């Protein structure tokens, strides 16, 4: 099965959803001297779980529409449209997109669970949305690490971390590298914002310096703040940034 990104619902499908929602007649109108009461109905567990699972693949318009649905019938219509709009072959009984989605959830729960279900972890969400990476560089114990030049060079020690590389992510970009770090040793790897989050010696004075720091061209405070020694943002490759993923 193709592990490319799971496709979003189209605007046309969403409009069809909104137009298809049933319009109910007003019932139980309060007496003229009574004020209507607002009764908040607790969302059923099944719908809570569903929206929690699929949130990672929904468009913003879909996320905005979900809380506006008032009845279970409306929610069921919405769910059906979400899956049908993503079915790559509507002429068959199977929905390959839906099957692939739940296979990815099962994999995430099996491999990334750590204090919370794997599907809710950073690695799980990325895996569910984009599928299996083209390559994985794993450092489950952390330890000694020689930084490449684009991370500043020099040697340090790291927390456990993983690097996931995707050759191409549709509608995002090519050559995407994501880094996940486990600073607590709990097994829950978090998506790193920059390549320095894995540095276990970042706050230890005089230890794990970059080459620029050893030469007096930069200082530790600048690196921790994400700046170089000249008050400018540190150079980070575009593929090291998860902002577009």
Protein backbone atom coordinates (compact mmCIF):
# COMPACT_ATOMS: atom_id res chain seq x y z
CA UNK A 1 0.00 0.00 0.00
CA UNK A 2 1.28 3.45 -0.79
CA UNK A 3 2.47 5.16 2.40
CA UNK A 4 1.96 8.68 1.12
CA UNK A 5 -0.05 11.16 3.19
CA UNK A 6 -3.69 10.40 3.78
CA UNK A 7 -5.71 12.74 1.54
CA UNK A 8 -7.94 15.50 3.03
CA UNK A 9 -11.63 15.92 2.37
CA UNK A 10 -12.52 18.26 -0.47
CA UNK A 11 -14.37 21.51 0.01
CA UNK A 12 -17.20 20.19 -2.19
CA UNK A 13 -17.64 17.15 0.03
CA UNK A 14 -17.77 19.34 3.11
CA UNK A 15 -20.43 21.54 1.54
CA UNK A 16 -22.40 18.42 0.71
CA UNK A 17 -22.18 17.42 4.34
CA UNK A 18 -23.49 20.71 5.60
CA UNK A 19 -26.37 20.69 3.13
CA UNK A 20 -27.24 17.10 4.00
CA UNK A 21 -27.57 17.65 7.73
CA UNK A 22 -31.21 17.16 8.85
CA UNK A 23 -33.23 20.16 9.92
CA UNK A 24 -35.31 19.33 12.97
CA UNK A 25 -38.55 21.01 13.89
CA UNK A 26 -38.56 22.89 17.15
CA UNK A 27 -39.97 20.86 20.01
CA UNK A 28 -40.90 21.44 23.61
CA UNK A 29 -41.05 25.23 23.35
CA UNK A 30 -40.90 26.81 26.82
CA UNK A 31 -43.86 28.68 28.18
CA UNK A 32 -43.75 32.47 27.62
CA UNK A 33 -42.79 33.09 31.25
CA UNK A 34 -40.00 30.50 31.23
CA UNK A 35 -36.43 30.87 30.06
CA UNK A 36 -35.07 28.07 27.87
CA UNK A 37 -32.49 25.90 29.57
CA UNK A 38 -29.20 25.04 27.93
CA UNK A 39 -28.59 21.32 28.34
CA UNK A 40 -25.09 20.13 27.48
CA UNK A 41 -25.16 16.58 26.20
CA UNK A 42 -22.04 14.54 26.95
CA UNK A 43 -20.45 13.24 23.76
CA UNK A 44 -20.50 9.46 23.58
CA UNK A 45 -17.20 7.69 24.17
CA UNK A 46 -17.23 6.20 20.67
CA UNK A 47 -17.35 9.65 19.07
CA UNK A 48 -14.72 11.03 21.46
CA UNK A 49 -12.40 8.19 20.52
CA UNK A 50 -13.10 8.61 16.81
CA UNK A 51 -12.31 12.32 16.68
CA UNK A 52 -9.23 11.76 18.83
CA UNK A 53 -7.96 9.11 16.42
CA UNK A 54 -8.64 10.93 13.15
CA UNK A 55 -7.75 14.47 14.26
CA UNK A 56 -4.29 14.10 12.73
CA UNK A 57 -5.70 13.61 9.20
CA UNK A 58 -8.60 16.08 9.26
CA UNK A 59 -8.53 19.45 7.56
CA UNK A 60 -9.12 22.62 9.55
CA UNK A 61 -12.59 23.01 8.03
CA UNK A 62 -13.47 19.49 9.18
CA UNK A 63 -12.15 20.17 12.68
CA UNK A 64 -14.25 23.36 12.80
CA UNK A 65 -17.37 21.52 11.60
CA UNK A 66 -17.22 18.63 14.10
CA UNK A 67 -18.22 20.50 17.31
CA UNK A 68 -21.15 22.11 15.47
CA UNK A 69 -22.84 18.75 14.91
CA UNK A 70 -25.75 18.35 17.33
CA UNK A 71 -27.02 14.79 16.93
CA UNK A 72 -25.60 11.30 16.52
CA UNK A 73 -27.25 11.14 13.10
CA UNK A 74 -25.29 14.22 12.01
CA UNK A 75 -22.08 12.76 13.41
CA UNK A 76 -22.63 9.48 11.57
CA UNK A 77 -23.20 11.40 8.32
CA UNK A 78 -20.03 13.38 8.93
CA UNK A 79 -17.97 10.24 9.63
CA UNK A 80 -19.29 8.55 6.50
CA UNK A 81 -18.40 11.55 4.33
CA UNK A 82 -14.91 11.73 5.85
CA UNK A 83 -14.18 8.13 4.90
CA UNK A 84 -16.03 8.15 1.56
CA UNK A 85 -14.26 11.31 0.38
CA UNK A 86 -10.90 9.63 0.96
CA UNK A 87 -11.75 6.26 -0.60
CA UNK A 88 -9.33 5.78 -3.53
CA UNK A 89 -11.67 3.31 -5.24
CA UNK A 90 -15.35 4.03 -4.41
CA UNK A 91 -16.53 1.28 -6.75
CA UNK A 92 -15.33 -1.45 -4.39
CA UNK A 93 -16.72 -2.44 -1.00
CA UNK A 94 -13.37 -1.95 0.67
CA UNK A 95 -12.09 1.48 1.64
CA UNK A 96 -8.34 1.08 1.29
CA UNK A 97 -7.67 4.45 2.89
CA UNK A 98 -9.66 3.57 6.01
CA UNK A 99 -8.06 0.12 6.25
CA UNK A 100 -4.58 1.63 5.95
CA UNK A 101 -5.42 4.26 8.54
CA UNK A 102 -6.42 1.71 11.19
CA UNK A 103 -3.45 -0.50 10.35
CA UNK A 104 -1.21 2.48 11.10
CA UNK A 105 -3.02 3.10 14.39
CA UNK A 106 -2.49 -0.54 15.40
CA UNK A 107 1.21 -0.27 14.54
CA UNK A 108 1.58 2.97 16.49
CA UNK A 109 -0.11 1.50 19.56
CA UNK A 110 2.10 -1.57 19.40
CA UNK A 111 5.43 0.20 18.89
CA UNK A 112 5.16 3.69 20.40
CA UNK A 113 3.05 3.27 23.56
CA UNK A 114 4.78 4.78 26.61
CA UNK A 115 2.57 6.07 29.39
CA UNK A 116 -0.11 6.91 26.83
CA UNK A 117 -1.39 5.11 23.74
CA UNK A 118 1.12 5.08 20.91
CA UNK A 119 -1.33 6.72 18.53
CA UNK A 120 -1.26 9.85 20.73
CA UNK A 121 2.53 10.19 20.86
CA UNK A 122 4.50 12.38 18.47
CA UNK A 123 5.99 9.39 16.66
CA UNK A 124 2.57 7.76 16.47
CA UNK A 125 0.88 10.83 15.00
CA UNK A 126 3.59 11.27 12.37
CA UNK A 127 3.44 7.57 11.48
CA UNK A 128 -0.37 7.62 11.21
CA UNK A 129 -0.34 10.70 8.99
CA UNK A 130 2.63 9.94 6.76
CA UNK A 131 3.23 6.21 7.11
CA UNK A 132 6.51 4.37 7.47
CA UNK A 133 9.60 6.57 6.98
CA UNK A 134 12.05 5.66 4.24
CA UNK A 135 14.80 5.28 6.81
CA UNK A 136 15.23 5.43 10.58
CA UNK A 137 18.43 6.20 12.49
CA UNK A 138 17.94 5.00 16.05
CA UNK A 139 19.99 5.78 19.16
CA UNK A 140 17.93 4.06 21.90
CA UNK A 141 20.59 4.53 24.61
CA UNK A 142 21.91 7.93 23.60
CA UNK A 143 25.52 8.42 24.69
CA UNK A 144 28.62 9.81 22.93
CA UNK A 145 27.84 11.74 19.77
CA UNK A 146 30.00 13.55 17.22
CA UNK A 147 27.98 16.40 15.80
CA UNK A 148 27.97 16.86 12.02
CA UNK A 149 29.10 20.27 10.80
CA UNK A 150 25.54 21.56 10.32
CA UNK A 151 24.95 21.00 14.05
CA UNK A 152 28.09 22.89 15.00
CA UNK A 153 30.64 20.09 15.16
CA UNK A 154 32.35 18.95 18.35
CA UNK A 155 31.50 16.01 20.58
CA UNK A 156 28.85 15.65 23.25
CA UNK A 157 26.54 13.09 24.84
CA UNK A 158 22.88 12.75 23.92
CA UNK A 159 19.58 11.57 25.25
CA UNK A 160 17.99 8.66 23.36
CA UNK A 161 16.86 9.92 19.95
CA UNK A 162 15.67 8.85 16.52
CA UNK A 163 15.90 10.45 13.10
CA UNK A 164 13.16 9.67 10.58
CA UNK A 165 13.74 10.49 6.94
CA UNK A 166 11.06 10.71 4.24
CA UNK A 167 12.10 10.88 0.62
CA UNK A 168 8.96 12.83 -0.29
CA UNK A 169 5.82 13.97 1.48
CA UNK A 170 3.04 14.95 -0.96
CA UNK A 171 1.98 18.60 -0.67
CA UNK A 172 4.79 19.23 1.83
CA UNK A 173 8.30 18.81 0.41
CA UNK A 174 11.01 16.29 -0.39
CA UNK A 175 13.96 15.20 1.75
CA UNK A 176 12.21 15.63 5.11
CA UNK A 177 14.12 14.67 8.25
CA UNK A 178 12.42 14.63 11.64
CA UNK A 179 14.11 14.10 14.97
CA UNK A 180 12.48 12.63 18.09
CA UNK A 181 14.12 12.89 21.51
CA UNK A 182 13.46 11.10 24.82
CA UNK A 183 14.97 13.46 27.44
CA UNK A 184 13.31 11.70 30.39
CA UNK A 185 14.25 8.11 29.52
CA UNK A 186 10.58 7.15 29.76
CA UNK A 187 10.33 5.82 26.21
CA UNK A 188 8.19 8.71 25.00
CA UNK A 189 10.04 10.41 22.17
CA UNK A 190 9.03 13.99 21.45
CA UNK A 191 9.34 15.78 18.14
CA UNK A 192 12.35 18.08 18.45
CA UNK A 193 12.17 21.72 17.39
CA UNK A 194 15.91 21.88 16.68
CA UNK A 195 18.89 19.49 16.56
CA UNK A 196 20.17 20.61 19.97
CA UNK A 197 17.31 19.19 22.03
CA UNK A 198 19.02 15.80 22.14
CA UNK A 199 22.18 17.30 23.72
CA UNK A 200 22.35 15.94 27.28
CA UNK A 201 25.23 18.29 28.13
CA UNK A 202 23.61 21.49 26.89
CA UNK A 203 23.29 22.86 30.43
CA UNK A 204 26.62 21.50 31.74
CA UNK A 205 29.21 24.33 31.69
CA UNK A 206 32.33 23.52 29.70
CA UNK A 207 31.11 20.13 28.48
CA UNK A 208 29.98 19.17 24.98
CA UNK A 209 31.03 22.40 23.30
CA UNK A 210 30.56 23.00 19.60
CA UNK A 211 33.64 23.89 17.55
CA UNK A 212 32.57 27.56 17.46
CA UNK A 213 32.29 27.60 21.25
CA UNK A 214 35.74 26.07 21.65
CA UNK A 215 37.14 28.78 19.34
CA UNK A 216 35.41 31.53 21.29
CA UNK A 217 33.18 32.46 18.35
CA UNK A 218 29.98 31.49 20.15
CA UNK A 219 28.81 30.77 23.65
CA UNK A 220 26.58 28.16 25.26
CA UNK A 221 23.79 30.57 26.10
CA UNK A 222 23.46 31.57 22.44
CA UNK A 223 23.19 27.94 21.34
CA UNK A 224 20.59 27.07 23.95
CA UNK A 225 18.63 30.16 22.86
CA UNK A 226 18.90 29.07 19.22
CA UNK A 227 21.23 31.93 18.27
CA UNK A 228 24.79 32.02 16.98
CA UNK A 229 27.48 34.18 18.48
CA UNK A 230 26.47 37.19 16.40
CA UNK A 231 22.87 37.50 17.53
CA UNK A 232 21.57 35.66 14.49
CA UNK A 233 19.49 32.52 14.27
CA UNK A 234 21.57 29.36 14.11
CA UNK A 235 21.76 27.73 10.70
CA UNK A 236 19.42 24.74 10.52
CA UNK A 237 18.66 22.78 7.38
CA UNK A 238 15.12 23.13 6.10
CA UNK A 239 14.60 19.40 6.52
CA UNK A 240 15.40 19.67 10.24
CA UNK A 241 12.33 21.80 10.81
CA UNK A 242 9.03 19.99 11.52
CA UNK A 243 7.00 23.18 11.15
CA UNK A 244 5.62 22.23 7.74
CA UNK A 245 4.79 18.64 8.68
